[in-house]
């Protein structure tokens, strides 16, 4: 079974945006965004994903990646 890998840190680095700035613009706490950034979540609300994509001008596929485990 494969797994979902979160690439929020990479997209944030590409856009040169800090966690604090993204948190303020998205309206999600630093703690929760940090968990998303570090892949320590088991679910994400579509509204949160939409807000992140809007602020970062990206697609969900830029943040989420599927990897098949071998």
PDB file of N, CA and C in Angstrom:
ATOM      1  N   UNK A   1       0.842  -1.182   0.000  1.00  0.00           N
ATOM      2  CA  UNK A   1       0.000   0.000   0.000  1.00  0.00           C
ATOM      3  C   UNK A   1       0.888   1.246   0.000  1.00  0.00           C
ATOM      4  N   UNK A   2       0.517   2.222  -0.774  1.00  0.00           N
ATOM      5  CA  UNK A   2       1.296   3.450  -0.877  1.00  0.00           C
ATOM      6  C   UNK A   2       1.003   4.421   0.250  1.00  0.00           C
ATOM      7  N   UNK A   3       1.622   5.594   0.154  1.00  0.00           N
ATOM      8  CA  UNK A   3       1.391   6.610   1.173  1.00  0.00           C
ATOM      9  C   UNK A   3       1.399   7.999   0.534  1.00  0.00           C
ATOM     10  N   UNK A   4       0.788   8.937   1.225  1.00  0.00           N
ATOM     11  CA  UNK A   4       0.751  10.330   0.802  1.00  0.00           C
ATOM     12  C   UNK A   4       1.892  11.068   1.491  1.00  0.00           C
ATOM     13  N   UNK A   5       2.668  11.799   0.706  1.00  0.00           N
ATOM     14  CA  UNK A   5       3.776  12.598   1.225  1.00  0.00           C
ATOM     15  C   UNK A   5       3.393  14.068   1.078  1.00  0.00           C
ATOM     16  N   UNK A   6       3.572  14.817   2.147  1.00  0.00           N
ATOM     17  CA  UNK A   6       3.263  16.246   2.130  1.00  0.00           C
ATOM     18  C   UNK A   6       4.501  17.036   1.745  1.00  0.00           C
ATOM     19  N   UNK A   7       4.355  17.930   0.779  1.00  0.00           N
ATOM     20  CA  UNK A   7       5.463  18.732   0.268  1.00  0.00           C
ATOM     21  C   UNK A   7       5.275  20.225   0.535  1.00  0.00           C
ATOM     22  N   UNK A   8       4.539  20.549   1.589  1.00  0.00           N
ATOM     23  CA  UNK A   8       4.274  21.952   1.902  1.00  0.00           C
ATOM     24  C   UNK A   8       5.574  22.713   2.133  1.00  0.00           C
ATOM     25  N   UNK A   9       6.539  22.092   2.806  1.00  0.00           N
ATOM     26  CA  UNK A   9       7.807  22.771   3.078  1.00  0.00           C
ATOM     27  C   UNK A   9       8.511  23.184   1.795  1.00  0.00           C
ATOM     28  N   UNK A  10       8.480  22.331   0.788  1.00  0.00           N
ATOM     29  CA  UNK A  10       9.121  22.626  -0.497  1.00  0.00           C
ATOM     30  C   UNK A  10       8.429  23.782  -1.207  1.00  0.00           C
ATOM     31  N   UNK A  11       7.093  23.770  -1.212  1.00  0.00           N
ATOM     32  CA  UNK A  11       6.338  24.839  -1.870  1.00  0.00           C
ATOM     33  C   UNK A  11       6.547  26.158  -1.135  1.00  0.00           C
ATOM     34  N   UNK A  12       6.565  26.114   0.188  1.00  0.00           N
ATOM     35  CA  UNK A  12       6.818  27.333   0.962  1.00  0.00           C
ATOM     36  C   UNK A  12       8.201  27.894   0.651  1.00  0.00           C
ATOM     37  N   UNK A  13       9.194  27.044   0.555  1.00  0.00           N
ATOM     38  CA  UNK A  13      10.555  27.497   0.242  1.00  0.00           C
ATOM     39  C   UNK A  13      10.606  28.113  -1.149  1.00  0.00           C
ATOM     40  N   UNK A  14       9.938  27.485  -2.110  1.00  0.00           N
ATOM     41  CA  UNK A  14       9.894  28.019  -3.480  1.00  0.00           C
ATOM     42  C   UNK A  14       9.252  29.398  -3.520  1.00  0.00           C
ATOM     43  N   UNK A  15       8.232  29.595  -2.678  1.00  0.00           N
ATOM     44  CA  UNK A  15       7.496  30.872  -2.662  1.00  0.00           C
ATOM     45  C   UNK A  15       8.102  31.883  -1.678  1.00  0.00           C
ATOM     46  N   UNK A  16       9.138  31.433  -0.952  1.00  0.00           N
ATOM     47  CA  UNK A  16       9.821  32.277   0.050  1.00  0.00           C
ATOM     48  C   UNK A  16       8.835  32.872   1.056  1.00  0.00           C
ATOM     49  N   UNK A  17       8.038  31.990   1.652  1.00  0.00           N
ATOM     50  CA  UNK A  17       7.058  32.410   2.650  1.00  0.00           C
ATOM     51  C   UNK A  17       7.316  31.644   3.946  1.00  0.00           C
ATOM     52  N   UNK A  18       7.264  32.344   5.043  1.00  0.00           N
ATOM     53  CA  UNK A  18       7.512  31.715   6.343  1.00  0.00           C
ATOM     54  C   UNK A  18       6.245  31.046   6.863  1.00  0.00           C
ATOM     55  N   UNK A  19       6.437  30.189   7.847  1.00  0.00           N
ATOM     56  CA  UNK A  19       5.310  29.518   8.485  1.00  0.00           C
ATOM     57  C   UNK A  19       4.394  30.538   9.146  1.00  0.00           C
ATOM     58  N   UNK A  20       4.981  31.532   9.795  1.00  0.00           N
ATOM     59  CA  UNK A  20       4.183  32.562  10.471  1.00  0.00           C
ATOM     60  C   UNK A  20       3.348  33.367   9.479  1.00  0.00           C
ATOM     61  N   UNK A  21       3.945  33.720   8.347  1.00  0.00           N
ATOM     62  CA  UNK A  21       3.222  34.492   7.329  1.00  0.00           C
ATOM     63  C   UNK A  21       2.103  33.651   6.707  1.00  0.00           C
ATOM     64  N   UNK A  22       2.397  32.395   6.398  1.00  0.00           N
ATOM     65  CA  UNK A  22       1.374  31.515   5.831  1.00  0.00           C
ATOM     66  C   UNK A  22       0.245  31.311   6.832  1.00  0.00           C
ATOM     67  N   UNK A  23       0.586  31.111   8.085  1.00  0.00           N
ATOM     68  CA  UNK A  23      -0.409  30.927   9.137  1.00  0.00           C
ATOM     69  C   UNK A  23      -1.356  32.117   9.205  1.00  0.00           C
ATOM     70  N   UNK A  24      -0.800  33.308   9.172  1.00  0.00           N
ATOM     71  CA  UNK A  24      -1.613  34.523   9.242  1.00  0.00           C
ATOM     72  C   UNK A  24      -2.543  34.649   8.029  1.00  0.00           C
ATOM     73  N   UNK A  25      -2.014  34.366   6.847  1.00  0.00           N
ATOM     74  CA  UNK A  25      -2.802  34.529   5.615  1.00  0.00           C
ATOM     75  C   UNK A  25      -3.865  33.440   5.452  1.00  0.00           C
ATOM     76  N   UNK A  26      -3.554  32.232   5.922  1.00  0.00           N
ATOM     77  CA  UNK A  26      -4.483  31.105   5.774  1.00  0.00           C
ATOM     78  C   UNK A  26      -5.513  31.096   6.897  1.00  0.00           C
ATOM     79  N   UNK A  27      -5.126  31.600   8.069  1.00  0.00           N
ATOM     80  CA  UNK A  27      -6.039  31.586   9.205  1.00  0.00           C
ATOM     81  C   UNK A  27      -6.011  30.277   9.965  1.00  0.00           C
ATOM     82  N   UNK A  28      -4.859  29.610   9.942  1.00  0.00           N
ATOM     83  CA  UNK A  28      -4.655  28.348  10.658  1.00  0.00           C
ATOM     84  C   UNK A  28      -3.471  28.561  11.600  1.00  0.00           C
ATOM     85  N   UNK A  29      -3.525  27.983  12.777  1.00  0.00           N
ATOM     86  CA  UNK A  29      -2.468  28.193  13.760  1.00  0.00           C
ATOM     87  C   UNK A  29      -1.113  27.688  13.259  1.00  0.00           C
ATOM     88  N   UNK A  30      -0.055  28.291  13.809  1.00  0.00           N
ATOM     89  CA  UNK A  30       1.306  27.852  13.482  1.00  0.00           C
ATOM     90  C   UNK A  30       1.492  26.371  13.782  1.00  0.00           C
ATOM     91  N   UNK A  31       0.940  25.935  14.918  1.00  0.00           N
ATOM     92  CA  UNK A  31       1.091  24.535  15.336  1.00  0.00           C
ATOM     93  C   UNK A  31       0.483  23.595  14.294  1.00  0.00           C
ATOM     94  N   UNK A  32      -0.735  23.896  13.853  1.00  0.00           N
ATOM     95  CA  UNK A  32      -1.388  23.019  12.871  1.00  0.00           C
ATOM     96  C   UNK A  32      -0.688  23.052  11.522  1.00  0.00           C
ATOM     97  N   UNK A  33      -0.233  24.231  11.091  1.00  0.00           N
ATOM     98  CA  UNK A  33       0.496  24.302   9.825  1.00  0.00           C
ATOM     99  C   UNK A  33       1.830  23.576   9.933  1.00  0.00           C
ATOM    100  N   UNK A  34       2.463  23.658  11.083  1.00  0.00           N
ATOM    101  CA  UNK A  34       3.718  22.949  11.289  1.00  0.00           C
ATOM    102  C   UNK A  34       3.511  21.446  11.174  1.00  0.00           C
ATOM    103  N   UNK A  35       2.418  20.948  11.706  1.00  0.00           N
ATOM    104  CA  UNK A  35       2.105  19.519  11.599  1.00  0.00           C
ATOM    105  C   UNK A  35       1.894  19.113  10.142  1.00  0.00           C
ATOM    106  N   UNK A  36       1.226  19.970   9.382  1.00  0.00           N
ATOM    107  CA  UNK A  36       1.026  19.697   7.953  1.00  0.00           C
ATOM    108  C   UNK A  36       2.376  19.709   7.251  1.00  0.00           C
ATOM    109  N   UNK A  37       3.155  20.727   7.527  1.00  0.00           N
ATOM    110  CA  UNK A  37       4.472  20.894   6.892  1.00  0.00           C
ATOM    111  C   UNK A  37       5.377  19.697   7.158  1.00  0.00           C
ATOM    112  N   UNK A  38       5.313  19.166   8.371  1.00  0.00           N
ATOM    113  CA  UNK A  38       6.192  18.058   8.755  1.00  0.00           C
ATOM    114  C   UNK A  38       5.568  16.678   8.543  1.00  0.00           C
ATOM    115  N   UNK A  39       4.365  16.641   7.974  1.00  0.00           N
ATOM    116  CA  UNK A  39       3.732  15.366   7.659  1.00  0.00           C
ATOM    117  C   UNK A  39       3.205  14.609   8.851  1.00  0.00           C
ATOM    118  N   UNK A  40       2.909  15.300   9.949  1.00  0.00           N
ATOM    119  CA  UNK A  40       2.422  14.633  11.157  1.00  0.00           C
ATOM    120  C   UNK A  40       0.904  14.753  11.282  1.00  0.00           C
ATOM    121  N   UNK A  41       0.204  14.585  10.183  1.00  0.00           N
ATOM    122  CA  UNK A  41      -1.259  14.627  10.205  1.00  0.00           C
ATOM    123  C   UNK A  41      -1.797  13.388   9.510  1.00  0.00           C
ATOM    124  N   UNK A  42      -3.043  13.064   9.803  1.00  0.00           N
ATOM    125  CA  UNK A  42      -3.678  11.937   9.123  1.00  0.00           C
ATOM    126  C   UNK A  42      -4.824  12.412   8.239  1.00  0.00           C
ATOM    127  N   UNK A  43      -5.173  13.693   8.353  1.00  0.00           N
ATOM    128  CA  UNK A  43      -6.254  14.255   7.539  1.00  0.00           C
ATOM    129  C   UNK A  43      -6.054  15.762   7.408  1.00  0.00           C
ATOM    130  N   UNK A  44      -6.633  16.313   6.349  1.00  0.00           N
ATOM    131  CA  UNK A  44      -6.608  17.759   6.150  1.00  0.00           C
ATOM    132  C   UNK A  44      -7.956  18.168   5.572  1.00  0.00           C
ATOM    133  N   UNK A  45      -8.518  19.229   6.079  1.00  0.00           N
ATOM    134  CA  UNK A  45      -9.801  19.718   5.571  1.00  0.00           C
ATOM    135  C   UNK A  45      -9.598  20.341   4.198  1.00  0.00           C
ATOM    136  N   UNK A  46     -10.565  20.138   3.330  1.00  0.00           N
ATOM    137  CA  UNK A  46     -10.495  20.750   2.008  1.00  0.00           C
ATOM    138  C   UNK A  46     -10.426  22.262   2.115  1.00  0.00           C
ATOM    139  N   UNK A  47     -11.132  22.843   3.075  1.00  0.00           N
ATOM    140  CA  UNK A  47     -11.109  24.304   3.217  1.00  0.00           C
ATOM    141  C   UNK A  47      -9.704  24.796   3.568  1.00  0.00           C
ATOM    142  N   UNK A  48      -8.980  24.036   4.371  1.00  0.00           N
ATOM    143  CA  UNK A  48      -7.597  24.390   4.706  1.00  0.00           C
ATOM    144  C   UNK A  48      -6.702  24.230   3.497  1.00  0.00           C
ATOM    145  N   UNK A  49      -6.861  23.140   2.775  1.00  0.00           N
ATOM    146  CA  UNK A  49      -6.077  22.902   1.564  1.00  0.00           C
ATOM    147  C   UNK A  49      -6.344  23.985   0.520  1.00  0.00           C
ATOM    148  N   UNK A  50      -7.609  24.351   0.367  1.00  0.00           N
ATOM    149  CA  UNK A  50      -7.965  25.416  -0.580  1.00  0.00           C
ATOM    150  C   UNK A  50      -7.313  26.732  -0.194  1.00  0.00           C
ATOM    151  N   UNK A  51      -7.339  27.074   1.093  1.00  0.00           N
ATOM    152  CA  UNK A  51      -6.749  28.329   1.563  1.00  0.00           C
ATOM    153  C   UNK A  51      -5.235  28.326   1.348  1.00  0.00           C
ATOM    154  N   UNK A  52      -4.585  27.215   1.630  1.00  0.00           N
ATOM    155  CA  UNK A  52      -3.133  27.112   1.420  1.00  0.00           C
ATOM    156  C   UNK A  52      -2.806  27.294  -0.060  1.00  0.00           C
ATOM    157  N   UNK A  53      -3.560  26.617  -0.919  1.00  0.00           N
ATOM    158  CA  UNK A  53      -3.328  26.722  -2.363  1.00  0.00           C
ATOM    159  C   UNK A  53      -3.572  28.140  -2.870  1.00  0.00           C
ATOM    160  N   UNK A  54      -4.576  28.804  -2.322  1.00  0.00           N
ATOM    161  CA  UNK A  54      -4.869  30.180  -2.735  1.00  0.00           C
ATOM    162  C   UNK A  54      -3.710  31.108  -2.371  1.00  0.00           C
ATOM    163  N   UNK A  55      -3.211  30.990  -1.145  1.00  0.00           N
ATOM    164  CA  UNK A  55      -2.127  31.853  -0.694  1.00  0.00           C
ATOM    165  C   UNK A  55      -0.824  31.555  -1.443  1.00  0.00           C
ATOM    166  N   UNK A  56      -0.536  30.279  -1.667  1.00  0.00           N
ATOM    167  CA  UNK A  56       0.716  29.886  -2.312  1.00  0.00           C
ATOM    168  C   UNK A  56       0.628  29.854  -3.841  1.00  0.00           C
ATOM    169  N   UNK A  57      -0.560  30.113  -4.379  1.00  0.00           N
ATOM    170  CA  UNK A  57      -0.772  30.080  -5.841  1.00  0.00           C
ATOM    171  C   UNK A  57      -0.264  28.754  -6.422  1.00  0.00           C
ATOM    172  N   UNK A  58      -0.821  27.668  -5.878  1.00  0.00           N
ATOM    173  CA  UNK A  58      -0.401  26.346  -6.315  1.00  0.00           C
ATOM    174  C   UNK A  58      -1.613  25.422  -6.434  1.00  0.00           C
ATOM    175  N   UNK A  59      -1.366  24.225  -6.875  1.00  0.00           N
ATOM    176  CA  UNK A  59      -2.380  23.189  -6.985  1.00  0.00           C
ATOM    177  C   UNK A  59      -2.201  22.196  -5.833  1.00  0.00           C
ATOM    178  N   UNK A  60      -3.274  21.494  -5.445  1.00  0.00           N
ATOM    179  CA  UNK A  60      -3.126  20.493  -4.378  1.00  0.00           C
ATOM    180  C   UNK A  60      -2.028  19.474  -4.675  1.00  0.00           C
ATOM    181  N   UNK A  61      -1.862  19.132  -5.939  1.00  0.00           N
ATOM    182  CA  UNK A  61      -0.821  18.180  -6.328  1.00  0.00           C
ATOM    183  C   UNK A  61       0.593  18.686  -6.104  1.00  0.00           C
ATOM    184  N   UNK A  62       0.746  19.995  -5.926  1.00  0.00           N
ATOM    185  CA  UNK A  62       2.062  20.554  -5.602  1.00  0.00           C
ATOM    186  C   UNK A  62       2.408  20.289  -4.136  1.00  0.00           C
ATOM    187  N   UNK A  63       1.390  20.096  -3.316  1.00  0.00           N
ATOM    188  CA  UNK A  63       1.571  19.907  -1.880  1.00  0.00           C
ATOM    189  C   UNK A  63       1.481  18.431  -1.495  1.00  0.00           C
ATOM    190  N   UNK A  64       0.612  17.697  -2.168  1.00  0.00           N
ATOM    191  CA  UNK A  64       0.397  16.274  -1.864  1.00  0.00           C
ATOM    192  C   UNK A  64       0.985  15.404  -2.968  1.00  0.00           C
ATOM    193  N   UNK A  65       1.681  14.374  -2.554  1.00  0.00           N
ATOM    194  CA  UNK A  65       2.289  13.462  -3.520  1.00  0.00           C
ATOM    195  C   UNK A  65       2.016  12.020  -3.087  1.00  0.00           C
ATOM    196  N   UNK A  66       1.645  11.170  -4.025  1.00  0.00           N
ATOM    197  CA  UNK A  66       1.419   9.765  -3.727  1.00  0.00           C
ATOM    198  C   UNK A  66       2.684   8.977  -4.055  1.00  0.00           C
ATOM    199  N   UNK A  67       3.108   8.148  -3.120  1.00  0.00           N
ATOM    200  CA  UNK A  67       4.289   7.307  -3.330  1.00  0.00           C
ATOM    201  C   UNK A  67       3.912   5.855  -3.088  1.00  0.00           C
ATOM    202  N   UNK A  68       4.203   5.025  -4.059  1.00  0.00           N
ATOM    203  CA  UNK A  68       3.966   3.596  -3.891  1.00  0.00           C
ATOM    204  C   UNK A  68       5.110   3.003  -3.094  1.00  0.00           C
ATOM    205  N   UNK A  69       4.756   2.285  -2.041  1.00  0.00           N
ATOM    206  CA  UNK A  69       5.785   1.613  -1.257  1.00  0.00           C
ATOM    207  C   UNK A  69       6.111   0.293  -1.911  1.00  0.00           C
ATOM    208  N   UNK A  70       7.365  -0.022  -1.915  1.00  0.00           N
ATOM    209  CA  UNK A  70       7.798  -1.269  -2.557  1.00  0.00           C
ATOM    210  C   UNK A  70       7.969  -2.380  -1.572  1.00  0.00           C
TER     211      UNK A  70
END
